[in-house]
């Protein structure tokens, strides 16, 4: 007699924030609507919205921007890209 297939353990979700030492944080849960999942969903949405707004701002600023503003913009765009790539990685993991 065959054993019934057991459910696979839940895959760890990459959270949209890092730990105190800059290491990635993961959530392992069966409850996709739990409080930490909801906070992570909200933060992902905020990161994506901020990235969209920053990109629009960059497109307006770039043609005539002074050097100091360009450096600041580049730093903010780097932060936004980092956050958006983390969201993409997290969502990609959940689609598998």
Protein backbone atom coordinates (compact mmCIF):
# COMPACT_ATOMS: atom_id res chain seq x y z
CA UNK A 1 0.00 0.00 0.00
CA UNK A 2 1.37 3.40 -0.99
CA UNK A 3 1.71 6.20 1.49
CA UNK A 4 -0.44 9.20 0.65
CA UNK A 5 1.50 12.12 -0.71
CA UNK A 6 2.29 14.57 2.00
CA UNK A 7 2.06 18.28 1.38
CA UNK A 8 5.36 19.87 0.53
CA UNK A 9 6.63 22.24 3.19
CA UNK A 10 5.86 25.87 2.45
CA UNK A 11 8.58 27.71 0.59
CA UNK A 12 10.22 30.60 2.39
CA UNK A 13 9.06 34.03 1.24
CA UNK A 14 11.76 36.64 0.73
CA UNK A 15 10.59 39.70 2.63
CA UNK A 16 11.00 43.24 1.24
CA UNK A 17 13.35 44.30 4.04
CA UNK A 18 16.73 43.23 5.35
CA UNK A 19 17.82 42.20 8.81
CA UNK A 20 20.02 44.33 11.07
CA UNK A 21 23.22 43.12 9.35
CA UNK A 22 21.81 43.63 5.85
CA UNK A 23 21.03 39.94 5.44
CA UNK A 24 17.79 38.89 3.69
CA UNK A 25 14.76 38.08 5.81
CA UNK A 26 12.46 35.16 5.03
CA UNK A 27 9.00 34.15 6.21
CA UNK A 28 7.92 30.53 6.44
CA UNK A 29 4.18 30.11 6.98
CA UNK A 30 1.13 28.30 5.66
CA UNK A 31 -0.99 31.39 6.35
CA UNK A 32 -0.63 33.61 3.27
CA UNK A 33 -2.93 36.19 4.81
CA UNK A 34 -1.14 36.43 8.14
CA UNK A 35 -0.04 39.74 9.66
CA UNK A 36 3.59 39.56 8.51
CA UNK A 37 2.48 38.61 4.99
CA UNK A 38 0.11 41.58 4.91
CA UNK A 39 2.85 43.98 6.05
CA UNK A 40 5.20 42.53 3.40
CA UNK A 41 2.50 42.92 0.71
CA UNK A 42 1.97 46.55 1.75
CA UNK A 43 5.70 47.28 1.74
CA UNK A 44 6.09 45.71 -1.70
CA UNK A 45 3.29 47.93 -2.99
CA UNK A 46 4.93 51.01 -1.45
CA UNK A 47 8.32 50.11 -2.96
CA UNK A 48 6.81 49.69 -6.42
CA UNK A 49 4.86 52.94 -6.15
CA UNK A 50 7.91 54.88 -4.97
CA UNK A 51 9.97 53.43 -7.81
CA UNK A 52 7.35 54.53 -10.34
CA UNK A 53 7.22 58.06 -8.90
CA UNK A 54 11.01 58.34 -8.75
CA UNK A 55 11.36 57.22 -12.36
CA UNK A 56 8.84 59.86 -13.49
CA UNK A 57 10.74 62.49 -11.49
CA UNK A 58 14.05 61.38 -13.03
CA UNK A 59 12.64 61.68 -16.54
CA UNK A 60 11.56 65.27 -15.83
CA UNK A 61 14.82 66.22 -14.09
CA UNK A 62 17.47 64.64 -16.31
CA UNK A 63 17.55 67.03 -19.28
CA UNK A 64 18.63 70.07 -17.21
CA UNK A 65 19.83 68.67 -13.88
CA UNK A 66 22.90 70.09 -12.12
CA UNK A 67 25.62 67.61 -11.09
CA UNK A 68 24.68 67.57 -7.38
CA UNK A 69 21.06 66.76 -8.16
CA UNK A 70 22.12 64.03 -10.57
CA UNK A 71 24.20 62.35 -7.87
CA UNK A 72 21.31 62.48 -5.39
CA UNK A 73 18.92 61.18 -8.05
CA UNK A 74 21.31 58.33 -8.92
CA UNK A 75 21.52 57.33 -5.25
CA UNK A 76 17.72 57.31 -4.90
CA UNK A 77 17.27 55.40 -8.15
CA UNK A 78 19.79 52.83 -6.92
CA UNK A 79 17.83 52.39 -3.69
CA UNK A 80 14.55 52.09 -5.61
CA UNK A 81 16.00 49.57 -8.06
CA UNK A 82 17.32 47.47 -5.19
CA UNK A 83 13.87 47.43 -3.56
CA UNK A 84 12.05 46.63 -6.80
CA UNK A 85 14.45 43.80 -7.64
CA UNK A 86 13.86 42.32 -4.18
CA UNK A 87 10.09 42.47 -4.82
CA UNK A 88 10.56 40.81 -8.21
CA UNK A 89 12.71 38.05 -6.71
CA UNK A 90 10.21 37.45 -3.93
CA UNK A 91 7.26 37.30 -6.30
CA UNK A 92 9.17 35.10 -8.72
CA UNK A 93 9.88 32.62 -5.95
CA UNK A 94 6.19 32.46 -5.11
CA UNK A 95 5.21 31.75 -8.74
CA UNK A 96 7.25 28.54 -8.93
